[in-house]
Amino acid sequence: EEPAPVSTIGILGWMRINLFSSPLNILLTIVSVYLIWLIVPPVIEWAFIDAIWDGTNRDACLVENAGA
């Protein structure tokens, strides 16, 4: 008995079945990846890179016109 083809098992098989099984799924996958690509980097920058992590009091942590 031969093993299952690589395209039907593992992560590649899962992606093929769940993300690329129809033209609509392909479109939705591409749109989702694009939206994640647009949203995640600015959120990481805001939440971690540009964040003020310490200060002697609350006012030291505030930046003028900083949003949240």
N, C-alpha and C. Protein backbone atom coordinates (compact mmCIF):
# COMPACT_ATOMS: atom_id res chain seq x y z
N GLU A 1 0.85 -1.18 0.00
CA GLU A 1 0.00 0.00 0.00
C GLU A 1 0.89 1.24 0.00
N GLU A 2 0.58 2.18 -0.89
CA GLU A 2 1.38 3.40 -1.02
C GLU A 2 0.88 4.48 -0.07
N PRO A 3 1.76 5.38 0.35
CA PRO A 3 1.32 6.48 1.21
C PRO A 3 0.49 7.49 0.43
N ALA A 4 -0.29 8.26 1.16
CA ALA A 4 -1.13 9.27 0.52
C ALA A 4 -0.26 10.33 -0.15
N PRO A 5 -0.73 10.90 -1.25
CA PRO A 5 0.03 11.96 -1.90
C PRO A 5 0.24 13.15 -0.95
N VAL A 6 1.39 13.80 -1.09
CA VAL A 6 1.73 14.93 -0.22
C VAL A 6 0.68 16.03 -0.31
N SER A 7 0.06 16.21 -1.47
CA SER A 7 -0.91 17.29 -1.66
C SER A 7 -2.23 17.03 -0.93
N THR A 8 -2.40 15.85 -0.33
CA THR A 8 -3.65 15.56 0.37
C THR A 8 -3.47 15.42 1.87
N ILE A 9 -2.23 15.46 2.35
CA ILE A 9 -1.98 15.30 3.79
C ILE A 9 -1.15 16.48 4.30
N GLY A 10 -1.10 16.63 5.59
CA GLY A 10 -0.27 17.66 6.19
C GLY A 10 -0.81 19.06 5.97
N ILE A 11 0.06 20.04 6.18
CA ILE A 11 -0.35 21.44 6.07
C ILE A 11 -0.72 21.80 4.63
N LEU A 12 0.00 21.25 3.66
CA LEU A 12 -0.34 21.55 2.26
C LEU A 12 -1.70 20.99 1.88
N GLY A 13 -2.00 19.79 2.33
CA GLY A 13 -3.31 19.21 2.07
C GLY A 13 -4.41 20.00 2.74
N TRP A 14 -4.17 20.41 3.99
CA TRP A 14 -5.17 21.20 4.71
C TRP A 14 -5.42 22.52 4.00
N MET A 15 -4.33 23.19 3.56
CA MET A 15 -4.49 24.47 2.86
C MET A 15 -5.24 24.29 1.55
N ARG A 16 -4.90 23.24 0.83
CA ARG A 16 -5.56 22.99 -0.45
C ARG A 16 -7.05 22.73 -0.27
N ILE A 17 -7.41 21.97 0.75
CA ILE A 17 -8.81 21.64 0.99
C ILE A 17 -9.58 22.83 1.55
N ASN A 18 -8.99 23.57 2.50
CA ASN A 18 -9.72 24.61 3.21
C ASN A 18 -9.57 26.01 2.64
N LEU A 19 -8.44 26.32 2.03
CA LEU A 19 -8.21 27.69 1.57
C LEU A 19 -8.27 27.85 0.06
N PHE A 20 -8.02 26.80 -0.68
CA PHE A 20 -7.92 26.91 -2.13
C PHE A 20 -8.80 25.89 -2.87
N SER A 21 -9.93 25.53 -2.27
CA SER A 21 -10.75 24.47 -2.87
C SER A 21 -11.72 24.97 -3.93
N SER A 22 -11.93 26.28 -4.02
CA SER A 22 -12.83 26.83 -5.03
C SER A 22 -12.37 28.24 -5.36
N PRO A 23 -12.84 28.78 -6.47
CA PRO A 23 -12.47 30.17 -6.81
C PRO A 23 -12.87 31.17 -5.72
N LEU A 24 -14.02 30.96 -5.10
CA LEU A 24 -14.45 31.86 -4.02
C LEU A 24 -13.51 31.75 -2.82
N ASN A 25 -13.13 30.53 -2.45
CA ASN A 25 -12.20 30.36 -1.33
C ASN A 25 -10.84 30.97 -1.64
N ILE A 26 -10.39 30.87 -2.87
CA ILE A 26 -9.12 31.49 -3.26
C ILE A 26 -9.21 33.00 -3.10
N LEU A 27 -10.29 33.59 -3.60
CA LEU A 27 -10.49 35.03 -3.49
C LEU A 27 -10.55 35.48 -2.04
N LEU A 28 -11.32 34.77 -1.23
CA LEU A 28 -11.44 35.13 0.19
C LEU A 28 -10.11 34.98 0.92
N THR A 29 -9.34 33.97 0.57
CA THR A 29 -8.02 33.78 1.19
C THR A 29 -7.09 34.94 0.83
N ILE A 30 -7.07 35.32 -0.43
CA ILE A 30 -6.20 36.42 -0.86
C ILE A 30 -6.62 37.73 -0.20
N VAL A 31 -7.92 38.01 -0.16
CA VAL A 31 -8.41 39.24 0.48
C VAL A 31 -8.09 39.23 1.97
N SER A 32 -8.26 38.11 2.63
CA SER A 32 -7.96 38.01 4.06
C SER A 32 -6.48 38.24 4.35
N VAL A 33 -5.62 37.63 3.57
CA VAL A 33 -4.17 37.82 3.75
C VAL A 33 -3.80 39.28 3.52
N TYR A 34 -4.39 39.91 2.52
CA TYR A 34 -4.12 41.32 2.23
C TYR A 34 -4.57 42.21 3.39
N LEU A 35 -5.75 41.97 3.93
CA LEU A 35 -6.24 42.77 5.06
C LEU A 35 -5.37 42.57 6.30
N ILE A 36 -4.96 41.35 6.56
CA ILE A 36 -4.06 41.09 7.69
C ILE A 36 -2.74 41.82 7.48
N TRP A 37 -2.23 41.80 6.25
CA TRP A 37 -0.99 42.48 5.91
C TRP A 37 -1.10 43.99 6.12
N LEU A 38 -2.28 44.56 5.88
CA LEU A 38 -2.50 45.99 6.09
C LEU A 38 -2.66 46.34 7.57
N ILE A 39 -3.34 45.50 8.33
CA ILE A 39 -3.74 45.84 9.70
C ILE A 39 -2.69 45.48 10.74
N VAL A 40 -2.08 44.33 10.65
CA VAL A 40 -1.21 43.84 11.73
C VAL A 40 0.04 44.70 11.94
N PRO A 41 0.80 45.08 10.92
CA PRO A 41 2.01 45.88 11.19
C PRO A 41 1.75 47.20 11.92
N PRO A 42 0.73 48.00 11.55
CA PRO A 42 0.49 49.22 12.32
C PRO A 42 0.06 48.95 13.76
N VAL A 43 -0.68 47.88 13.99
CA VAL A 43 -1.10 47.55 15.36
C VAL A 43 0.12 47.16 16.19
N ILE A 44 1.02 46.36 15.63
CA ILE A 44 2.24 45.99 16.35
C ILE A 44 3.08 47.22 16.64
N GLU A 45 3.20 48.10 15.66
CA GLU A 45 3.97 49.32 15.86
C GLU A 45 3.36 50.17 16.97
N TRP A 46 2.04 50.34 16.96
CA TRP A 46 1.36 51.15 17.97
C TRP A 46 1.45 50.50 19.36
N ALA A 47 1.23 49.21 19.42
CA ALA A 47 1.13 48.53 20.71
C ALA A 47 2.48 48.22 21.35
N PHE A 48 3.51 48.02 20.55
CA PHE A 48 4.79 47.58 21.10
C PHE A 48 5.96 48.52 20.79
N ILE A 49 6.12 48.88 19.53
CA ILE A 49 7.30 49.65 19.13
C ILE A 49 7.22 51.09 19.61
N ASP A 50 6.09 51.76 19.37
CA ASP A 50 5.93 53.17 19.76
C ASP A 50 5.38 53.34 21.16
N ALA A 51 5.13 52.26 21.86
CA ALA A 51 4.56 52.35 23.21
C ALA A 51 5.58 52.91 24.19
N ILE A 52 5.06 53.63 25.17
CA ILE A 52 5.90 54.12 26.26
C ILE A 52 5.71 53.15 27.41
N TRP A 53 6.78 52.46 27.79
CA TRP A 53 6.69 51.35 28.71
C TRP A 53 6.90 51.71 30.16
N ASP A 54 7.53 52.83 30.43
CA ASP A 54 7.74 53.17 31.83
C ASP A 54 7.78 54.69 32.02
N GLY A 55 7.57 55.10 33.23
CA GLY A 55 7.60 56.50 33.60
C GLY A 55 7.40 56.60 35.10
N THR A 56 7.72 57.75 35.64
CA THR A 56 7.60 57.91 37.09
C THR A 56 6.16 58.06 37.53
N ASN A 57 5.30 58.55 36.64
CA ASN A 57 3.87 58.67 36.95
C ASN A 57 3.08 58.56 35.64
N ARG A 58 1.78 58.71 35.75
CA ARG A 58 0.92 58.56 34.58
C ARG A 58 1.23 59.61 33.53
N ASP A 59 1.50 60.84 33.94
CA ASP A 59 1.76 61.92 32.99
C ASP A 59 3.02 61.66 32.16
N ALA A 60 3.98 60.98 32.72
CA ALA A 60 5.21 60.68 31.99
C ALA A 60 4.95 59.69 30.86
N CYS A 61 3.91 58.91 30.97
CA CYS A 61 3.58 57.92 29.94
C CYS A 61 2.70 58.48 28.84
N LEU A 62 2.15 59.65 29.04
CA LEU A 62 1.27 60.25 28.05
C LEU A 62 2.08 61.02 27.02
N VAL A 63 1.69 60.87 25.78
CA VAL A 63 2.29 61.62 24.69
C VAL A 63 1.18 62.43 24.06
N GLU A 64 1.45 63.69 23.79
CA GLU A 64 0.44 64.56 23.21
C GLU A 64 0.03 64.04 21.84
N ASN A 65 -1.28 64.05 21.56
CA ASN A 65 -1.84 63.60 20.28
C ASN A 65 -1.45 62.16 19.95
N ALA A 66 -1.46 61.29 20.95
CA ALA A 66 -1.02 59.92 20.73
C ALA A 66 -2.15 58.94 20.45
N GLY A 67 -3.38 59.37 20.49
CA GLY A 67 -4.48 58.44 20.25
C GLY A 67 -4.84 57.69 21.51
N ALA A 68 -4.79 56.37 21.47
CA ALA A 68 -5.19 55.57 22.62
C ALA A 68 -4.17 55.73 23.71
